[in-house]
Amino acid sequence: MSEQHGVAPAGEAASESFSEPVEQGVGDSFRAHGMAEDLGESVPRRSKTMSRKEMARDLRRRQNAEFDPDEQLLLAELDGMRPRTRADCANSVRPCFFVSCKHHLYLDVNPDTGSVKVNFPDKELWELENTCALDVADKGGITLEEVGAIMNLTRERIRQVETSGLSKLREAAGDDFKD
């Protein structure tokens, strides 16, 4: 049997052609060799994010306080170190390692779904020049190109976000907000 491609030679049963259990993704071995399309089969792709079922299971585990004692100690220690105000973090060590902070530039977390987006997949945290949006704001006015470089977005996307934000402010302020 040619285990490399998962194809059984003549005389062997097709069910014996796989050395991997089905749970580990039979389609992955086909996909790796480009054979799924050759066989005319549509092989479902595995999700790269947590499923809702996995998130719910993790949430229940955390709500029931099913923590490892070492994990509890570590979380308590980190929580004690976490800055509570801007004054606490303004003069702290950079790069900031509290990536769960909403002002951190390394990750974006969608509050509705809880999905996490890594803004700089090609860089490690310590390779970033700026890690805190509040530090960037303290510097004062910067160009769209500079904002784009800091946030790993294009100049045009930064302009669109700025326009959207300004229109939301105008709506909220009503007649009080004038250019």
N, C-alpha and C. Protein backbone atom coordinates (compact mmCIF):
# COMPACT_ATOMS: atom_id res chain seq x y z
N MET A 1 0.85 -1.18 0.00
CA MET A 1 0.00 0.00 0.00
C MET A 1 0.89 1.24 0.00
N SER A 2 0.49 2.22 -0.75
CA SER A 2 1.22 3.48 -0.79
C SER A 2 0.62 4.43 0.24
N GLU A 3 1.19 4.42 1.46
CA GLU A 3 0.65 5.21 2.55
C GLU A 3 0.84 6.70 2.33
N GLN A 4 1.83 7.04 1.51
CA GLN A 4 2.11 8.45 1.30
C GLN A 4 0.92 9.16 0.66
N HIS A 5 0.23 8.51 -0.27
CA HIS A 5 -0.89 9.13 -0.96
C HIS A 5 -2.23 8.60 -0.49
N GLY A 6 -2.28 7.59 0.37
CA GLY A 6 -3.53 7.06 0.88
C GLY A 6 -4.30 6.28 -0.16
N VAL A 7 -3.63 5.75 -1.19
CA VAL A 7 -4.28 5.00 -2.25
C VAL A 7 -3.93 3.53 -2.09
N ALA A 8 -4.95 2.68 -2.14
CA ALA A 8 -4.71 1.24 -1.99
C ALA A 8 -4.41 0.64 -3.35
N PRO A 9 -3.37 -0.17 -3.47
CA PRO A 9 -3.09 -0.85 -4.73
C PRO A 9 -4.14 -1.94 -4.97
N ALA A 10 -4.17 -2.46 -6.17
CA ALA A 10 -5.13 -3.49 -6.52
C ALA A 10 -5.03 -4.65 -5.55
N GLY A 11 -6.18 -5.17 -5.14
CA GLY A 11 -6.18 -6.30 -4.23
C GLY A 11 -6.41 -5.93 -2.78
N GLU A 12 -6.18 -4.67 -2.38
CA GLU A 12 -6.41 -4.25 -1.01
C GLU A 12 -7.74 -3.50 -0.92
N ALA A 13 -8.41 -3.65 0.16
CA ALA A 13 -9.69 -2.98 0.35
C ALA A 13 -9.46 -1.48 0.55
N ALA A 14 -10.41 -0.70 0.04
CA ALA A 14 -10.27 0.75 0.16
C ALA A 14 -10.32 1.20 1.60
N SER A 15 -11.04 0.49 2.46
CA SER A 15 -11.14 0.90 3.86
C SER A 15 -9.83 0.71 4.60
N GLU A 16 -8.94 -0.11 4.08
CA GLU A 16 -7.65 -0.33 4.71
C GLU A 16 -6.60 0.67 4.22
N SER A 17 -6.98 1.56 3.31
CA SER A 17 -5.99 2.43 2.70
C SER A 17 -5.59 3.62 3.56
N PHE A 18 -6.32 3.88 4.64
CA PHE A 18 -5.99 5.02 5.48
C PHE A 18 -5.35 4.56 6.77
N SER A 19 -4.24 5.18 7.10
CA SER A 19 -3.60 4.85 8.36
C SER A 19 -4.04 5.81 9.46
N GLU A 20 -4.71 6.93 9.10
CA GLU A 20 -5.16 7.91 10.08
C GLU A 20 -6.59 7.62 10.50
N PRO A 21 -6.94 7.87 11.74
CA PRO A 21 -8.35 7.77 12.14
C PRO A 21 -9.15 8.88 11.49
N VAL A 22 -10.43 8.67 11.29
CA VAL A 22 -11.29 9.63 10.62
C VAL A 22 -11.34 10.94 11.39
N GLU A 23 -11.30 10.91 12.73
CA GLU A 23 -11.41 12.11 13.53
C GLU A 23 -10.28 13.11 13.25
N GLN A 24 -9.14 12.66 12.78
CA GLN A 24 -8.00 13.56 12.58
C GLN A 24 -8.02 14.21 11.22
N GLY A 25 -9.06 14.00 10.44
CA GLY A 25 -9.18 14.71 9.18
C GLY A 25 -8.59 13.96 8.01
N VAL A 26 -9.35 13.00 7.50
CA VAL A 26 -8.89 12.23 6.35
C VAL A 26 -8.69 13.16 5.16
N GLY A 27 -9.56 14.16 5.04
CA GLY A 27 -9.45 15.09 3.93
C GLY A 27 -8.16 15.86 3.93
N ASP A 28 -7.56 16.04 5.09
CA ASP A 28 -6.30 16.78 5.16
C ASP A 28 -5.19 16.08 4.40
N SER A 29 -5.13 14.74 4.47
CA SER A 29 -4.08 14.04 3.74
C SER A 29 -4.33 14.11 2.25
N PHE A 30 -5.59 14.03 1.83
CA PHE A 30 -5.91 14.19 0.42
C PHE A 30 -5.58 15.60 -0.05
N ARG A 31 -5.97 16.59 0.76
CA ARG A 31 -5.76 17.98 0.40
C ARG A 31 -4.28 18.29 0.29
N ALA A 32 -3.48 17.73 1.18
CA ALA A 32 -2.05 17.99 1.18
C ALA A 32 -1.40 17.54 -0.11
N HIS A 33 -1.95 16.51 -0.73
CA HIS A 33 -1.37 15.99 -1.97
C HIS A 33 -2.19 16.38 -3.19
N GLY A 34 -3.24 17.23 -2.98
CA GLY A 34 -4.05 17.68 -4.10
C GLY A 34 -4.91 16.60 -4.70
N MET A 35 -5.21 15.55 -3.96
CA MET A 35 -5.95 14.42 -4.53
C MET A 35 -7.45 14.55 -4.35
N ALA A 36 -7.94 15.37 -3.44
CA ALA A 36 -9.38 15.47 -3.21
C ALA A 36 -10.08 15.96 -4.47
N GLU A 37 -9.49 16.96 -5.13
CA GLU A 37 -10.09 17.46 -6.34
C GLU A 37 -9.93 16.47 -7.48
N ASP A 38 -8.80 15.73 -7.51
CA ASP A 38 -8.57 14.74 -8.56
C ASP A 38 -9.62 13.64 -8.52
N LEU A 39 -10.07 13.28 -7.32
CA LEU A 39 -11.06 12.22 -7.17
C LEU A 39 -12.47 12.75 -7.34
N GLY A 40 -12.62 14.05 -7.52
CA GLY A 40 -13.93 14.64 -7.71
C GLY A 40 -14.73 14.72 -6.41
N GLU A 41 -14.06 14.64 -5.28
CA GLU A 41 -14.74 14.69 -3.99
C GLU A 41 -14.59 16.09 -3.41
N SER A 42 -15.62 16.53 -2.72
CA SER A 42 -15.50 17.78 -1.99
C SER A 42 -15.23 17.42 -0.54
N VAL A 43 -14.04 17.74 -0.10
CA VAL A 43 -13.62 17.43 1.26
C VAL A 43 -13.80 18.68 2.10
N PRO A 44 -14.59 18.60 3.18
CA PRO A 44 -14.79 19.81 4.01
C PRO A 44 -13.49 20.22 4.67
N ARG A 45 -13.28 21.53 4.72
CA ARG A 45 -12.08 22.06 5.36
C ARG A 45 -12.33 22.23 6.84
N ARG A 46 -11.30 21.98 7.63
CA ARG A 46 -11.41 22.15 9.07
C ARG A 46 -11.28 23.63 9.42
N SER A 47 -12.06 24.06 10.37
CA SER A 47 -12.05 25.45 10.78
C SER A 47 -10.76 25.78 11.52
N LYS A 48 -10.24 26.97 11.30
CA LYS A 48 -9.03 27.41 11.99
C LYS A 48 -9.37 28.19 13.25
N THR A 49 -10.66 28.36 13.52
CA THR A 49 -11.08 29.07 14.72
C THR A 49 -11.85 28.12 15.62
N MET A 50 -12.10 28.57 16.84
CA MET A 50 -12.87 27.74 17.78
C MET A 50 -14.33 27.71 17.33
N SER A 51 -14.94 26.54 17.38
CA SER A 51 -16.35 26.46 17.07
C SER A 51 -17.15 27.00 18.26
N ARG A 52 -18.40 27.30 18.02
CA ARG A 52 -19.26 27.79 19.09
C ARG A 52 -19.38 26.75 20.20
N LYS A 53 -19.41 25.50 19.82
CA LYS A 53 -19.51 24.42 20.80
C LYS A 53 -18.27 24.40 21.70
N GLU A 54 -17.09 24.58 21.09
CA GLU A 54 -15.85 24.61 21.88
C GLU A 54 -15.80 25.84 22.78
N MET A 55 -16.28 26.99 22.27
CA MET A 55 -16.29 28.21 23.09
C MET A 55 -17.25 28.04 24.27
N ALA A 56 -18.42 27.43 24.02
CA ALA A 56 -19.39 27.23 25.10
C ALA A 56 -18.83 26.28 26.15
N ARG A 57 -18.16 25.23 25.71
CA ARG A 57 -17.55 24.27 26.64
C ARG A 57 -16.47 24.95 27.48
N ASP A 58 -15.67 25.79 26.86
CA ASP A 58 -14.61 26.51 27.57
C ASP A 58 -15.21 27.51 28.56
N LEU A 59 -16.28 28.20 28.15
CA LEU A 59 -16.95 29.15 29.04
C LEU A 59 -17.55 28.44 30.25
N ARG A 60 -18.21 27.29 30.02
CA ARG A 60 -18.78 26.53 31.15
C ARG A 60 -17.69 26.08 32.10
N ARG A 61 -16.56 25.65 31.56
CA ARG A 61 -15.45 25.21 32.39
C ARG A 61 -14.95 26.36 33.26
N ARG A 62 -14.84 27.52 32.66
CA ARG A 62 -14.35 28.68 33.42
C ARG A 62 -15.38 29.17 34.43
N GLN A 63 -16.67 29.10 34.09
CA GLN A 63 -17.70 29.53 35.04
C GLN A 63 -17.79 28.57 36.22
N ASN A 64 -17.55 27.31 35.99
CA ASN A 64 -17.58 26.32 37.06
C ASN A 64 -16.28 26.29 37.84
N ALA A 65 -15.37 27.19 37.52
CA ALA A 65 -14.08 27.31 38.20
C ALA A 65 -13.30 26.00 38.16
N GLU A 66 -13.29 25.36 37.01
CA GLU A 66 -12.52 24.13 36.83
C GLU A 66 -11.10 24.49 36.38
N PHE A 67 -10.43 25.28 37.18
CA PHE A 67 -9.08 25.71 36.86
C PHE A 67 -8.07 24.80 37.54
N ASP A 68 -6.97 24.69 36.91
CA ASP A 68 -5.82 24.05 37.51
C ASP A 68 -5.33 25.00 38.62
N PRO A 69 -4.95 24.49 39.80
CA PRO A 69 -4.48 25.38 40.87
C PRO A 69 -3.31 26.28 40.44
N ASP A 70 -2.40 25.76 39.64
CA ASP A 70 -1.28 26.57 39.15
C ASP A 70 -1.79 27.68 38.23
N GLU A 71 -2.80 27.35 37.43
CA GLU A 71 -3.38 28.34 36.53
C GLU A 71 -4.05 29.45 37.33
N GLN A 72 -4.73 29.11 38.41
CA GLN A 72 -5.37 30.11 39.26
C GLN A 72 -4.35 31.06 39.88
N LEU A 73 -3.23 30.51 40.35
CA LEU A 73 -2.18 31.36 40.92
C LEU A 73 -1.60 32.31 39.88
N LEU A 74 -1.35 31.79 38.69
CA LEU A 74 -0.80 32.61 37.62
C LEU A 74 -1.78 33.71 37.22
N LEU A 75 -3.06 33.37 37.08
CA LEU A 75 -4.05 34.38 36.70
C LEU A 75 -4.19 35.45 37.78
N ALA A 76 -4.15 35.05 39.04
CA ALA A 76 -4.23 36.03 40.13
C ALA A 76 -3.03 36.97 40.12
N GLU A 77 -1.84 36.41 39.87
CA GLU A 77 -0.63 37.22 39.82
C GLU A 77 -0.67 38.21 38.65
N LEU A 78 -1.10 37.72 37.47
CA LEU A 78 -1.20 38.60 36.31
C LEU A 78 -2.25 39.68 36.51
N ASP A 79 -3.37 39.31 37.14
CA ASP A 79 -4.42 40.29 37.39
C ASP A 79 -3.92 41.40 38.32
N GLY A 80 -3.08 41.04 39.27
CA GLY A 80 -2.51 42.04 40.18
C GLY A 80 -1.54 42.97 39.47
N MET A 81 -0.87 42.49 38.43
CA MET A 81 0.09 43.31 37.69
C MET A 81 -0.57 44.18 36.63
N ARG A 82 -1.78 43.81 36.21
CA ARG A 82 -2.45 44.50 35.11
C ARG A 82 -2.77 45.95 35.48
N PRO A 83 -2.42 46.90 34.60
CA PRO A 83 -2.73 48.31 34.87
C PRO A 83 -4.24 48.54 34.88
N ARG A 84 -4.71 49.37 35.78
CA ARG A 84 -6.14 49.67 35.89
C ARG A 84 -6.50 50.99 35.21
N THR A 85 -5.56 51.93 35.14
CA THR A 85 -5.82 53.23 34.54
C THR A 85 -4.71 53.55 33.55
N ARG A 86 -4.92 54.60 32.77
CA ARG A 86 -3.90 55.05 31.82
C ARG A 86 -2.64 55.49 32.57
N ALA A 87 -2.81 56.09 33.71
CA ALA A 87 -1.65 56.53 34.50
C ALA A 87 -0.80 55.34 34.92
N ASP A 88 -1.46 54.20 35.20
CA ASP A 88 -0.72 52.99 35.59
C ASP A 88 0.14 52.46 34.45
N CYS A 89 -0.38 52.56 33.22
CA CYS A 89 0.35 51.94 32.12
C CYS A 89 1.19 52.91 31.30
N ALA A 90 1.02 54.21 31.49
CA ALA A 90 1.72 55.19 30.65
C ALA A 90 3.24 55.04 30.71
N ASN A 91 3.77 54.77 31.88
CA ASN A 91 5.22 54.68 32.02
C ASN A 91 5.71 53.25 32.25
N SER A 92 4.88 52.27 31.91
CA SER A 92 5.29 50.88 32.12
C SER A 92 6.20 50.40 30.99
N VAL A 93 6.67 49.21 31.13
CA VAL A 93 7.63 48.62 30.18
C VAL A 93 6.97 48.45 28.81
N ARG A 94 7.71 48.75 27.76
CA ARG A 94 7.27 48.53 26.40
C ARG A 94 8.21 47.55 25.74
N PRO A 95 7.76 46.64 24.92
CA PRO A 95 6.39 46.47 24.48
C PRO A 95 5.50 45.93 25.60
N CYS A 96 4.26 46.39 25.60
CA CYS A 96 3.29 45.97 26.61
C CYS A 96 2.90 44.51 26.34
N PHE A 97 2.92 43.69 27.36
CA PHE A 97 2.60 42.28 27.15
C PHE A 97 1.17 41.93 27.52
N PHE A 98 0.34 42.93 27.84
CA PHE A 98 -1.07 42.69 28.13
C PHE A 98 -1.87 42.78 26.83
N VAL A 99 -1.75 41.77 25.99
CA VAL A 99 -2.38 41.79 24.67
C VAL A 99 -3.90 41.73 24.75
N SER A 100 -4.46 41.39 25.91
CA SER A 100 -5.92 41.36 26.03
C SER A 100 -6.51 42.74 26.27
N CYS A 101 -5.68 43.73 26.48
CA CYS A 101 -6.15 45.11 26.67
C CYS A 101 -6.79 45.60 25.37
N LYS A 102 -7.89 46.32 25.48
CA LYS A 102 -8.59 46.77 24.27
C LYS A 102 -7.79 47.82 23.48
N HIS A 103 -6.78 48.40 24.09
CA HIS A 103 -5.96 49.40 23.40
C HIS A 103 -4.69 48.80 22.79
N HIS A 104 -4.49 47.50 22.98
CA HIS A 104 -3.28 46.85 22.44
C HIS A 104 -3.42 46.68 20.94
N LEU A 105 -2.36 46.91 20.20
CA LEU A 105 -2.41 46.86 18.74
C LEU A 105 -2.13 45.49 18.15
N TYR A 106 -1.67 44.55 18.94
CA TYR A 106 -1.30 43.24 18.40
C TYR A 106 -2.53 42.40 18.05
N LEU A 107 -3.57 42.47 18.89
CA LEU A 107 -4.79 41.67 18.68
C LEU A 107 -6.01 42.56 18.60
N ASP A 108 -7.01 42.11 17.85
CA ASP A 108 -8.34 42.71 17.87
C ASP A 108 -9.31 41.61 18.25
N VAL A 109 -10.17 41.88 19.23
CA VAL A 109 -11.17 40.91 19.65
C VAL A 109 -12.54 41.48 19.33
N ASN A 110 -13.34 40.72 18.58
CA ASN A 110 -14.69 41.14 18.26
C ASN A 110 -15.56 40.92 19.49
N PRO A 111 -16.14 41.98 20.07
CA PRO A 111 -16.91 41.81 21.31
C PRO A 111 -18.19 41.01 21.11
N ASP A 112 -18.75 40.98 19.89
CA ASP A 112 -19.98 40.24 19.64
C ASP A 112 -19.74 38.74 19.55
N THR A 113 -18.71 38.35 18.82
CA THR A 113 -18.47 36.91 18.59
C THR A 113 -17.34 36.35 19.44
N GLY A 114 -16.48 37.23 19.94
CA GLY A 114 -15.33 36.76 20.71
C GLY A 114 -14.18 36.27 19.84
N SER A 115 -14.31 36.46 18.52
CA SER A 115 -13.24 36.01 17.63
C SER A 115 -12.03 36.92 17.76
N VAL A 116 -10.87 36.35 17.58
CA VAL A 116 -9.61 37.06 17.76
C VAL A 116 -8.91 37.19 16.41
N LYS A 117 -8.46 38.39 16.10
CA LYS A 117 -7.72 38.65 14.86
C LYS A 117 -6.32 39.12 15.23
N VAL A 118 -5.33 38.46 14.72
CA VAL A 118 -3.94 38.88 14.92
C VAL A 118 -3.62 39.90 13.84
N ASN A 119 -3.34 41.14 14.24
CA ASN A 119 -3.10 42.20 13.28
C ASN A 119 -1.76 42.08 12.57
N PHE A 120 -0.80 41.48 13.21
CA PHE A 120 0.54 41.34 12.63
C PHE A 120 0.95 39.88 12.65
N PRO A 121 0.39 39.06 11.74
CA PRO A 121 0.71 37.63 11.76
C PRO A 121 2.17 37.31 11.44
N ASP A 122 2.85 38.24 10.80
CA ASP A 122 4.23 37.99 10.42
C ASP A 122 5.24 38.49 11.45
N LYS A 123 4.76 39.09 12.55
CA LYS A 123 5.66 39.63 13.56
C LYS A 123 5.33 39.08 14.93
N GLU A 124 6.33 39.04 15.75
CA GLU A 124 6.14 38.69 17.16
C GLU A 124 5.87 39.97 17.94
N LEU A 125 5.34 39.85 19.12
CA LEU A 125 4.96 41.00 19.94
C LEU A 125 6.14 41.95 20.17
N TRP A 126 7.30 41.41 20.48
CA TRP A 126 8.45 42.25 20.81
C TRP A 126 9.06 42.91 19.58
N GLU A 127 8.61 42.54 18.37
CA GLU A 127 9.11 43.16 17.14
C GLU A 127 8.31 44.41 16.75
N LEU A 128 7.19 44.67 17.43
CA LEU A 128 6.37 45.82 17.10
C LEU A 128 6.98 47.10 17.65
N GLU A 129 6.95 48.14 16.86
CA GLU A 129 7.46 49.43 17.30
C GLU A 129 6.50 50.07 18.30
N ASN A 130 5.20 49.98 18.03
CA ASN A 130 4.16 50.51 18.92
C ASN A 130 3.22 49.38 19.30
N THR A 131 2.90 49.25 20.58
CA THR A 131 1.98 48.19 20.99
C THR A 131 0.71 48.74 21.63
N CYS A 132 0.65 50.02 21.93
CA CYS A 132 -0.50 50.59 22.61
C CYS A 132 -1.05 51.77 21.81
N ALA A 133 -2.36 51.73 21.52
CA ALA A 133 -2.99 52.82 20.77
C ALA A 133 -2.96 54.12 21.57
N LEU A 134 -2.98 54.03 22.88
CA LEU A 134 -2.94 55.24 23.71
C LEU A 134 -1.58 55.92 23.64
N ASP A 135 -0.51 55.14 23.51
CA ASP A 135 0.82 55.73 23.33
C ASP A 135 0.89 56.50 22.01
N VAL A 136 0.28 55.93 20.97
CA VAL A 136 0.27 56.58 19.66
C VAL A 136 -0.54 57.87 19.74
N ALA A 137 -1.67 57.84 20.44
CA ALA A 137 -2.51 59.04 20.58
C ALA A 137 -1.79 60.13 21.36
N ASP A 138 -0.98 59.75 22.34
CA ASP A 138 -0.23 60.74 23.13
C ASP A 138 0.80 61.49 22.29
N LYS A 139 1.27 60.88 21.20
CA LYS A 139 2.26 61.53 20.34
C LYS A 139 1.69 62.73 19.61
N GLY A 140 0.38 62.75 19.41
CA GLY A 140 -0.25 63.86 18.69
C GLY A 140 -0.64 63.43 17.29
N GLY A 141 -0.94 64.42 16.44
CA GLY A 141 -1.40 64.15 15.08
C GLY A 141 -0.36 63.45 14.22
N ILE A 142 -0.81 62.44 13.51
CA ILE A 142 0.07 61.72 12.57
C ILE A 142 -0.69 61.52 11.26
N THR A 143 0.02 61.22 10.19
CA THR A 143 -0.59 61.06 8.87
C THR A 143 -1.30 59.72 8.75
N LEU A 144 -2.14 59.62 7.71
CA LEU A 144 -2.85 58.37 7.46
C LEU A 144 -1.87 57.23 7.16
N GLU A 145 -0.77 57.55 6.49
CA GLU A 145 0.23 56.52 6.19
C GLU A 145 0.86 55.97 7.48
N GLU A 146 1.14 56.87 8.42
CA GLU A 146 1.72 56.44 9.68
C GLU A 146 0.74 55.59 10.49
N VAL A 147 -0.52 55.99 10.50
CA VAL A 147 -1.55 55.20 11.19
C VAL A 147 -1.67 53.84 10.52
N GLY A 148 -1.66 53.82 9.20
CA GLY A 148 -1.74 52.56 8.46
C GLY A 148 -0.60 51.62 8.78
N ALA A 149 0.60 52.16 8.89
CA ALA A 149 1.77 51.33 9.22
C ALA A 149 1.66 50.78 10.64
N ILE A 150 1.16 51.61 11.55
CA ILE A 150 1.03 51.17 12.95
C ILE A 150 -0.03 50.09 13.09
N MET A 151 -1.14 50.21 12.34
CA MET A 151 -2.27 49.28 12.49
C MET A 151 -2.28 48.18 11.44
N ASN A 152 -1.31 48.15 10.55
CA ASN A 152 -1.21 47.15 9.51
C ASN A 152 -2.42 47.21 8.57
N LEU A 153 -2.81 48.44 8.21
CA LEU A 153 -3.91 48.67 7.29
C LEU A 153 -3.44 49.65 6.22
N THR A 154 -4.20 49.72 5.13
CA THR A 154 -3.83 50.65 4.06
C THR A 154 -4.29 52.06 4.40
N ARG A 155 -3.71 53.02 3.72
CA ARG A 155 -4.07 54.42 3.92
C ARG A 155 -5.55 54.61 3.62
N GLU A 156 -6.04 53.99 2.55
CA GLU A 156 -7.44 54.13 2.16
C GLU A 156 -8.38 53.56 3.22
N ARG A 157 -8.04 52.42 3.80
CA ARG A 157 -8.89 51.85 4.84
C ARG A 157 -8.92 52.74 6.09
N ILE A 158 -7.79 53.36 6.42
CA ILE A 158 -7.75 54.28 7.55
C ILE A 158 -8.65 55.49 7.26
N ARG A 159 -8.62 55.99 6.02
CA ARG A 159 -9.48 57.11 5.64
C ARG A 159 -10.95 56.73 5.78
N GLN A 160 -11.31 55.50 5.34
CA GLN A 160 -12.70 55.04 5.44
C GLN A 160 -13.15 54.94 6.89
N VAL A 161 -12.30 54.42 7.75
CA VAL A 161 -12.63 54.30 9.18
C VAL A 161 -12.79 55.69 9.79
N GLU A 162 -11.90 56.61 9.43
CA GLU A 162 -11.99 57.98 9.94
C GLU A 162 -13.30 58.63 9.51
N THR A 163 -13.66 58.49 8.24
CA THR A 163 -14.90 59.07 7.73
C THR A 163 -16.12 58.47 8.43
N SER A 164 -16.11 57.18 8.61
CA SER A 164 -17.21 56.50 9.30
C SER A 164 -17.34 56.98 10.74
N GLY A 165 -16.22 57.10 11.43
CA GLY A 165 -16.23 57.56 12.82
C GLY A 165 -16.74 58.99 12.94
N LEU A 166 -16.30 59.85 12.03
CA LEU A 166 -16.74 61.24 12.06
C LEU A 166 -18.23 61.35 11.77
N SER A 167 -18.75 60.55 10.84
CA SER A 167 -20.19 60.60 10.55
C SER A 167 -21.00 60.10 11.74
N LYS A 168 -20.51 59.10 12.47
CA LYS A 168 -21.20 58.62 13.67
C LYS A 168 -21.20 59.70 14.75
N LEU A 169 -20.09 60.44 14.88
CA LEU A 169 -20.04 61.53 15.84
C LEU A 169 -21.02 62.64 15.47
N ARG A 170 -21.11 62.95 14.17
CA ARG A 170 -22.05 63.99 13.71
C ARG A 170 -23.50 63.58 14.04
N GLU A 171 -23.83 62.31 13.79
CA GLU A 171 -25.18 61.81 14.08
C GLU A 171 -25.48 61.91 15.58
N ALA A 172 -24.54 61.51 16.39
CA ALA A 172 -24.75 61.51 17.84
C ALA A 172 -24.86 62.93 18.39
N ALA A 173 -24.09 63.85 17.84
CA ALA A 173 -24.09 65.22 18.34
C ALA A 173 -25.25 66.04 17.76
N GLY A 174 -25.78 65.62 16.62
CA GLY A 174 -26.88 66.37 15.99
C GLY A 174 -26.40 67.70 15.49
N ASP A 175 -27.13 68.76 15.84
CA ASP A 175 -26.81 70.11 15.36
C ASP A 175 -25.63 70.73 16.11
N ASP A 176 -25.25 70.16 17.22
CA ASP A 176 -24.15 70.72 18.03
C ASP A 176 -22.79 70.56 17.37
N PHE A 177 -22.67 69.62 16.43
CA PHE A 177 -21.37 69.30 15.83
C PHE A 177 -21.27 69.96 14.46
N LYS A 178 -20.42 70.91 14.32
CA LYS A 178 -20.21 71.61 13.05
C LYS A 178 -18.75 71.48 12.64
N ASP A 179 -18.50 71.45 11.33
CA ASP A 179 -17.12 71.39 10.83
C ASP A 179 -16.48 72.66 11.08
